């Protein structure tokens, strides 16, 4: 059945209405529904235009002009809108995926902090038990003191043994005081150690979290400009270095950070990480490079704060591992990551 002029005129209105409806749906985030409406409008165009009458029809000239001048351009606009909506739908899905990963990373970091908090709580309970033991020993001292007083009274009654009993009481008092002082010293050292480790751990994890946010921004930029291999290379390098940073911090903090062997291992891994970073694509991007160096300096400072405050050492000179890491940190501040200065990065801001 051939299409009439009135049907073509109605088709023009329908296509305009469908176009407006699709734009409204897209603006509210309903991409799938908007695309479906555009496809329905295009199908209506095919159904009606494909049934035009022949040249002998009285309205042929008017209908052909309507098709060529209005309906065909409107149809092409619908096609362009469908293509654009699909691209925006894909971009939105990618952005949502990036946000999901950021949320997962944030949750992971919160769980990591929670784990450290639980370890600190465990340490606190141990310290409380030690304190309780000290108090019990104090009570024992008081009991011994009372016993000594009783013995002293007995000694007064028995003059021939007074000297020996006084000497025994004095030795017991001295021994009890010595034990109490040692327990209190151990308790103070344990408290100081726990606090310093907790502070250093927070600084390290905060530094890693800050660089992680920078990597997420790189991911968004790389996805927005899919044609830039340079952005992908920089993002890939940043992700690899971020993974190495997380492994370095977690491995060090999960063991005894004040242990000399653990500190030497940390320094060696830190040095390897710096070397790998200098050779990566990240070193050619000033903004991200600066964020990475800032993260490294924060981690180094946290490590140095632990290594230089270890009161369990038997010497006053600074350990070699601390001196070496300080040198690395100072090179970072100057812009040099190794004994030889790294090539100067191009002078521009942001990823081009």
Protein backbone atom coordinates (compact mmCIF):
# COMPACT_ATOMS: atom_id res chain seq x y z
CA UNK A 1 0.00 0.00 0.00
CA UNK A 2 1.47 3.36 -1.10
CA UNK A 3 2.15 6.16 1.34
CA UNK A 4 -0.03 9.27 1.22
CA UNK A 5 1.05 12.90 1.52
CA UNK A 6 -0.70 13.15 4.88
CA UNK A 7 1.22 10.13 6.19
CA UNK A 8 4.50 11.72 5.12
CA UNK A 9 3.55 14.92 6.93
CA UNK A 10 2.68 12.89 10.03
CA UNK A 11 6.00 11.06 9.66
CA UNK A 12 7.84 14.38 9.80
CA UNK A 13 6.12 15.23 13.10
CA UNK A 14 6.74 11.73 14.45
CA UNK A 15 10.47 11.88 13.66
CA UNK A 16 10.79 15.30 15.32
CA UNK A 17 8.88 14.07 18.38
CA UNK A 18 10.98 10.90 18.62
CA UNK A 19 14.16 12.95 18.32
CA UNK A 20 13.09 15.21 21.22
CA UNK A 21 12.07 12.21 23.31
CA UNK A 22 15.43 10.50 22.67
CA UNK A 23 17.38 13.62 23.69
CA UNK A 24 15.35 13.90 26.90
CA UNK A 25 15.97 10.25 27.75
CA UNK A 26 19.69 10.60 27.08
CA UNK A 27 19.90 13.70 29.30
CA UNK A 28 18.47 11.67 32.18
CA UNK A 29 21.04 8.92 31.62
CA UNK A 30 18.66 6.45 29.91
CA UNK A 31 20.92 5.72 26.93
CA UNK A 32 19.43 2.35 25.98
CA UNK A 33 15.88 3.75 25.92
CA UNK A 34 17.00 6.79 23.91
CA UNK A 35 18.73 4.62 21.30
CA UNK A 36 15.63 2.43 21.00
CA UNK A 37 13.43 5.51 20.33
CA UNK A 38 15.84 6.68 17.60
CA UNK A 39 15.77 3.25 15.97
CA UNK A 40 11.96 3.24 16.03
CA UNK A 41 11.91 6.63 14.26
CA UNK A 42 14.34 5.37 11.61
CA UNK A 43 12.24 2.26 11.04
CA UNK A 44 9.14 4.44 10.58
CA UNK A 45 11.03 6.44 7.96
CA UNK A 46 11.98 3.30 6.02
CA UNK A 47 8.42 1.96 6.14
CA UNK A 48 6.83 5.15 4.83
CA UNK A 49 9.43 6.39 2.36
CA UNK A 50 9.75 2.95 0.82
CA UNK A 51 6.07 3.05 -0.19
CA UNK A 52 6.02 6.36 -2.14
CA UNK A 53 3.70 6.44 -5.21
CA UNK A 54 4.93 6.73 -8.76
CA UNK A 55 5.54 9.92 -10.74
CA UNK A 56 2.01 9.86 -12.11
CA UNK A 57 0.53 10.44 -8.66
CA UNK A 58 -0.93 13.91 -8.19
CA UNK A 59 1.11 14.58 -5.00
CA UNK A 60 4.33 13.02 -6.26
CA UNK A 61 6.25 16.30 -6.64
CA UNK A 62 5.19 17.59 -3.21
CA UNK A 63 5.95 14.26 -1.52
CA UNK A 64 9.37 13.94 -3.20
CA UNK A 65 10.31 17.47 -2.12
CA UNK A 66 9.17 16.72 1.43
CA UNK A 67 11.25 13.55 1.48
CA UNK A 68 14.40 15.13 0.03
CA UNK A 69 14.29 18.47 1.84
CA UNK A 70 13.02 17.49 5.28
CA UNK A 71 12.59 13.79 5.89
CA UNK A 72 15.95 12.61 4.54
CA UNK A 73 17.98 15.24 6.53
CA UNK A 74 15.93 14.42 9.63
CA UNK A 75 16.66 10.71 9.10
CA UNK A 76 20.40 11.38 8.81
CA UNK A 77 20.27 13.42 12.03
CA UNK A 78 18.64 10.45 13.76
CA UNK A 79 21.46 8.21 12.54
CA UNK A 80 24.09 10.65 13.81
CA UNK A 81 22.34 10.92 17.16
CA UNK A 82 22.23 7.14 17.51
CA UNK A 83 25.96 6.89 16.79
CA UNK A 84 26.78 9.69 19.26
CA UNK A 85 24.51 8.25 21.96
CA UNK A 86 26.17 4.85 21.64
CA UNK A 87 29.61 6.45 22.01
CA UNK A 88 28.47 8.43 25.06
CA UNK A 89 26.91 5.27 26.51
CA UNK A 90 30.24 3.45 26.16
CA UNK A 91 32.12 6.39 27.67
CA UNK A 92 29.72 6.50 30.61
CA UNK A 93 30.19 2.77 31.19
CA UNK A 94 33.97 3.21 31.19
CA UNK A 95 33.76 6.13 33.63
CA UNK A 96 31.53 4.07 35.92
CA UNK A 97 34.10 1.26 35.78
CA UNK A 98 36.86 3.71 36.77
CA UNK A 99 34.74 4.96 39.67
CA UNK A 100 34.04 1.39 40.74
CA UNK A 101 37.76 0.60 40.79
CA UNK A 102 38.44 3.79 42.78
CA UNK A 103 35.78 2.77 45.29
CA UNK A 104 37.25 -0.72 45.57
CA UNK A 105 40.73 0.73 46.13
CA UNK A 106 39.38 3.08 48.79
CA UNK A 107 37.67 0.16 50.53
CA UNK A 108 40.89 -1.86 50.34
CA UNK A 109 42.84 0.99 51.91
CA UNK A 110 40.23 1.35 54.65
CA UNK A 111 40.47 -2.38 55.34
CA UNK A 112 44.26 -2.07 55.47
CA UNK A 113 43.99 0.77 58.01
CA UNK A 114 41.48 -1.29 59.96
CA UNK A 115 43.94 -4.18 60.02
CA UNK A 116 46.68 -1.89 61.35
CA UNK A 117 44.25 -0.54 63.95
CA UNK A 118 43.47 -4.10 65.07
CA UNK A 119 47.17 -4.85 65.36
CA UNK A 120 47.63 -1.71 67.43
CA UNK A 121 44.72 -2.75 69.65
CA UNK A 122 46.33 -6.15 70.08
CA UNK A 123 49.60 -4.45 71.04
CA UNK A 124 47.72 -2.21 73.46
CA UNK A 125 46.19 -5.24 75.20
CA UNK A 126 49.62 -6.81 75.50
CA UNK A 127 50.92 -3.62 77.06
CA UNK A 128 47.97 -3.54 79.46
CA UNK A 129 48.75 -7.09 80.53
CA UNK A 130 52.37 -6.10 81.07
CA UNK A 131 51.22 -3.11 83.09
CA UNK A 132 48.93 -5.36 85.11
CA UNK A 133 51.85 -7.67 85.78
CA UNK A 134 53.88 -4.69 86.99
CA UNK A 135 51.04 -3.67 89.34
CA UNK A 136 50.84 -7.20 90.68
CA UNK A 137 54.56 -7.15 91.34
CA UNK A 138 54.13 -3.82 93.10
CA UNK A 139 51.53 -5.44 95.32
CA UNK A 140 53.95 -8.25 95.96
CA UNK A 141 56.56 -5.68 96.94
CA UNK A 142 54.10 -4.14 99.40
CA UNK A 143 53.36 -7.55 100.82
CA UNK A 144 57.06 -8.21 101.15
CA UNK A 145 57.40 -4.84 102.83
CA UNK A 146 54.74 -5.77 105.36
CA UNK A 147 56.48 -9.08 105.92
CA UNK A 148 59.73 -7.22 106.41
CA UNK A 149 58.11 -5.00 108.99
CA UNK A 150 56.79 -8.04 110.80
CA UNK A 151 60.21 -9.60 110.71
CA UNK A 152 61.67 -6.36 111.96
CA UNK A 153 59.33 -6.45 114.94
CA UNK A 154 60.35 -10.03 115.56
CA UNK A 155 63.98 -8.97 115.26
CA UNK A 156 63.47 -6.34 117.92
CA UNK A 157 62.19 -9.07 120.17
CA UNK A 158 65.13 -11.29 119.33
CA UNK A 159 68.18 -9.05 119.49
CA UNK A 160 70.64 -11.78 118.55
CA UNK A 161 69.14 -12.08 114.98
CA UNK A 162 68.22 -8.42 114.31
CA UNK A 163 71.24 -7.67 112.10
CA UNK A 164 70.76 -10.70 109.85
CA UNK A 165 67.02 -10.07 109.37
CA UNK A 166 67.55 -6.37 108.48
CA UNK A 167 70.11 -7.34 105.88
CA UNK A 168 67.70 -9.90 104.33
CA UNK A 169 64.83 -7.38 104.19
CA UNK A 170 67.06 -4.77 102.54
CA UNK A 171 68.19 -7.18 99.83
CA UNK A 172 64.60 -8.21 99.07
CA UNK A 173 63.49 -4.59 98.82
CA UNK A 174 66.35 -3.77 96.51
CA UNK A 175 65.62 -6.78 94.27
CA UNK A 176 61.90 -5.99 94.15
CA UNK A 177 62.57 -2.35 93.19
CA UNK A 178 64.98 -3.46 90.48
CA UNK A 179 62.42 -5.86 88.98
CA UNK A 180 59.72 -3.18 89.06
CA UNK A 181 61.96 -0.63 87.34
CA UNK A 182 62.88 -3.11 84.60
CA UNK A 183 59.24 -3.99 83.93
CA UNK A 184 58.27 -0.31 83.76
CA UNK A 185 61.12 0.37 81.34
CA UNK A 186 60.02 -2.48 79.06
CA UNK A 187 56.46 -1.18 79.15
CA UNK A 188 57.53 2.35 78.16
CA UNK A 189 59.69 1.03 75.33
CA UNK A 190 56.84 -1.12 74.01
CA UNK A 191 54.44 1.85 74.08
CA UNK A 192 56.91 4.14 72.28
CA UNK A 193 57.67 1.48 69.68
CA UNK A 194 53.98 0.88 68.96
CA UNK A 195 53.24 4.61 68.58
CA UNK A 196 56.19 5.26 66.24
CA UNK A 197 55.32 2.28 64.04
CA UNK A 198 51.66 3.36 63.84
CA UNK A 199 52.61 6.93 62.85
CA UNK A 200 55.08 5.75 60.20
CA UNK A 201 52.55 3.23 58.83
CA UNK A 202 49.88 5.94 58.44
CA UNK A 203 52.35 8.22 56.60
CA UNK A 204 53.40 5.44 54.21
CA UNK A 205 49.83 4.34 53.45
CA UNK A 206 48.66 7.94 52.99
CA UNK A 207 51.49 8.56 50.51
CA UNK A 208 50.56 5.43 48.51
CA UNK A 209 46.87 6.45 48.56
CA UNK A 210 47.76 9.91 47.22
CA UNK A 211 49.70 8.46 44.27
CA UNK A 212 46.88 5.94 43.71
CA UNK A 213 44.48 8.86 43.14
CA UNK A 214 46.90 10.26 40.55
CA UNK A 215 46.95 6.89 38.74
CA UNK A 216 43.13 6.86 38.67
CA UNK A 217 43.15 10.28 36.99
CA UNK A 218 45.62 8.94 34.42
CA UNK A 219 43.26 6.03 33.72
CA UNK A 220 40.41 8.44 32.98
CA UNK A 221 42.60 10.53 30.65
CA UNK A 222 43.86 7.45 28.79
CA UNK A 223 40.30 6.21 28.23
CA UNK A 224 39.07 9.61 27.05
CA UNK A 225 41.84 9.80 24.44
CA UNK A 226 42.02 6.25 23.13
CA UNK A 227 44.23 7.33 20.23
CA UNK A 228 47.13 8.42 22.46
CA UNK A 229 49.62 5.60 22.92
CA UNK A 230 51.76 7.95 25.05
CA UNK A 231 48.98 8.34 27.62
CA UNK A 232 48.50 4.57 27.72
CA UNK A 233 52.24 4.03 28.23
CA UNK A 234 52.36 6.57 31.07
CA UNK A 235 49.27 5.06 32.72
CA UNK A 236 50.69 1.53 32.41
CA UNK A 237 54.01 2.64 33.94
CA UNK A 238 52.18 4.43 36.76
CA UNK A 239 50.08 1.33 37.53
CA UNK A 240 53.17 -0.90 37.66
CA UNK A 241 54.99 1.52 39.99
CA UNK A 242 51.88 1.85 42.17
CA UNK A 243 51.75 -1.93 42.58
CA UNK A 244 55.43 -1.96 43.52
CA UNK A 245 54.87 0.83 46.07
CA UNK A 246 52.01 -1.06 47.71
CA UNK A 247 54.05 -4.25 47.90
CA UNK A 248 57.06 -2.41 49.34
CA UNK A 249 55.06 -0.65 52.08
CA UNK A 250 52.89 -3.63 53.06
CA UNK A 251 55.82 -6.10 53.17
CA UNK A 252 57.87 -3.75 55.36
CA UNK A 253 55.04 -2.88 57.76
CA UNK A 254 53.82 -6.48 58.11
CA UNK A 255 57.19 -7.46 59.65
CA UNK A 256 59.14 -5.78 62.47
CA UNK A 257 60.03 -2.35 61.01
CA UNK A 258 62.80 -1.86 63.58
CA UNK A 259 64.59 -5.07 62.66
CA UNK A 260 67.91 -4.32 60.93
CA UNK A 261 67.52 -7.06 58.29
CA UNK A 262 64.04 -5.82 57.40
CA UNK A 263 65.36 -2.25 57.08
CA UNK A 264 68.18 -3.35 54.76
CA UNK A 265 65.69 -5.29 52.61
CA UNK A 266 63.43 -2.21 52.44
CA UNK A 267 66.33 0.03 51.40
CA UNK A 268 67.37 -2.37 48.61
CA UNK A 269 63.81 -2.70 47.26
CA UNK A 270 63.35 1.08 47.47
CA UNK A 271 66.54 1.58 45.42
CA UNK A 272 65.32 -0.89 42.75
CA UNK A 273 61.97 0.90 42.59
CA UNK A 274 63.70 4.25 42.05
CA UNK A 275 65.85 2.77 39.24
CA UNK A 276 62.82 1.21 37.52
CA UNK A 277 60.88 4.48 37.78
CA UNK A 278 63.68 6.45 36.14
CA UNK A 279 63.69 4.06 33.16
CA UNK A 280 59.89 4.11 32.74
CA UNK A 281 57.65 6.34 30.59
CA UNK A 282 56.58 8.09 33.79
CA UNK A 283 59.90 9.98 33.98
CA UNK A 284 58.96 11.93 30.84
CA UNK A 285 55.71 13.35 32.30
CA UNK A 286 56.58 16.18 34.75
CA UNK A 287 53.26 16.43 36.62
CA UNK A 288 52.88 12.71 37.39
CA UNK A 289 56.65 12.41 37.89
CA UNK A 290 56.47 15.09 40.60
CA UNK A 291 53.58 13.26 42.32
CA UNK A 292 55.56 10.00 42.26
CA UNK A 293 58.70 11.64 43.71
CA UNK A 294 56.60 13.26 46.45
CA UNK A 295 55.22 9.82 47.33
CA UNK A 296 58.74 8.34 47.44
CA UNK A 297 60.01 11.15 49.71
CA UNK A 298 57.10 10.68 52.12
CA UNK A 299 57.77 6.93 52.33
CA UNK A 300 61.50 7.56 52.81
CA UNK A 301 60.86 10.07 55.61
CA UNK A 302 58.55 7.62 57.38
CA UNK A 303 61.24 4.91 57.17
CA UNK A 304 63.96 7.29 58.40
CA UNK A 305 61.81 8.37 61.36
CA UNK A 306 61.72 4.73 62.52
CA UNK A 307 65.35 3.93 61.85
CA UNK A 308 66.73 6.97 63.67
CA UNK A 309 64.55 6.46 66.76
CA UNK A 310 65.46 2.88 67.62
CA UNK A 311 66.56 3.08 71.26
CA UNK A 312 67.31 -0.65 71.32
CA UNK A 313 70.61 -0.10 69.48
CA UNK A 314 73.86 -0.16 71.47
CA UNK A 315 75.56 2.67 69.58
CA UNK A 316 74.98 6.38 68.94
CA UNK A 317 76.23 6.52 65.35
CA UNK A 318 73.60 6.53 62.59
CA UNK A 319 73.13 3.10 60.91
CA UNK A 320 74.46 2.78 57.37
CA UNK A 321 71.06 1.82 55.95
CA UNK A 322 69.56 5.09 57.25
CA UNK A 323 72.43 7.17 55.85
CA UNK A 324 72.02 5.56 52.42
CA UNK A 325 68.26 6.14 52.32
CA UNK A 326 68.73 9.76 53.41
CA UNK A 327 71.07 10.24 50.44
CA UNK A 328 68.41 8.80 48.11
CA UNK A 329 65.77 11.08 49.62
CA UNK A 330 68.01 14.14 49.19
CA UNK A 331 68.62 13.18 45.55
CA UNK A 332 64.85 13.06 45.07
CA UNK A 333 64.57 16.60 46.46
CA UNK A 334 67.22 17.79 43.99
CA UNK A 335 65.55 15.99 41.10
CA UNK A 336 68.29 13.30 40.83
CA UNK A 337 67.21 9.70 41.33
CA UNK A 338 70.63 8.07 41.04
CA UNK A 339 74.27 9.04 41.46
CA UNK A 340 73.99 10.56 37.95
CA UNK A 341 71.20 13.06 37.30
CA UNK A 342 68.29 11.80 35.23
CA UNK A 343 67.73 13.58 31.86
CA UNK A 344 65.64 16.71 32.29
CA UNK A 345 61.98 16.09 31.40
CA UNK A 346 60.25 18.26 28.74
CA UNK A 347 59.01 21.61 30.05
CA UNK A 348 55.20 21.31 29.86
CA UNK A 349 52.39 20.64 32.32
CA UNK A 350 49.84 17.87 32.10
CA UNK A 351 49.77 14.92 29.70
CA UNK A 352 49.57 16.11 26.09
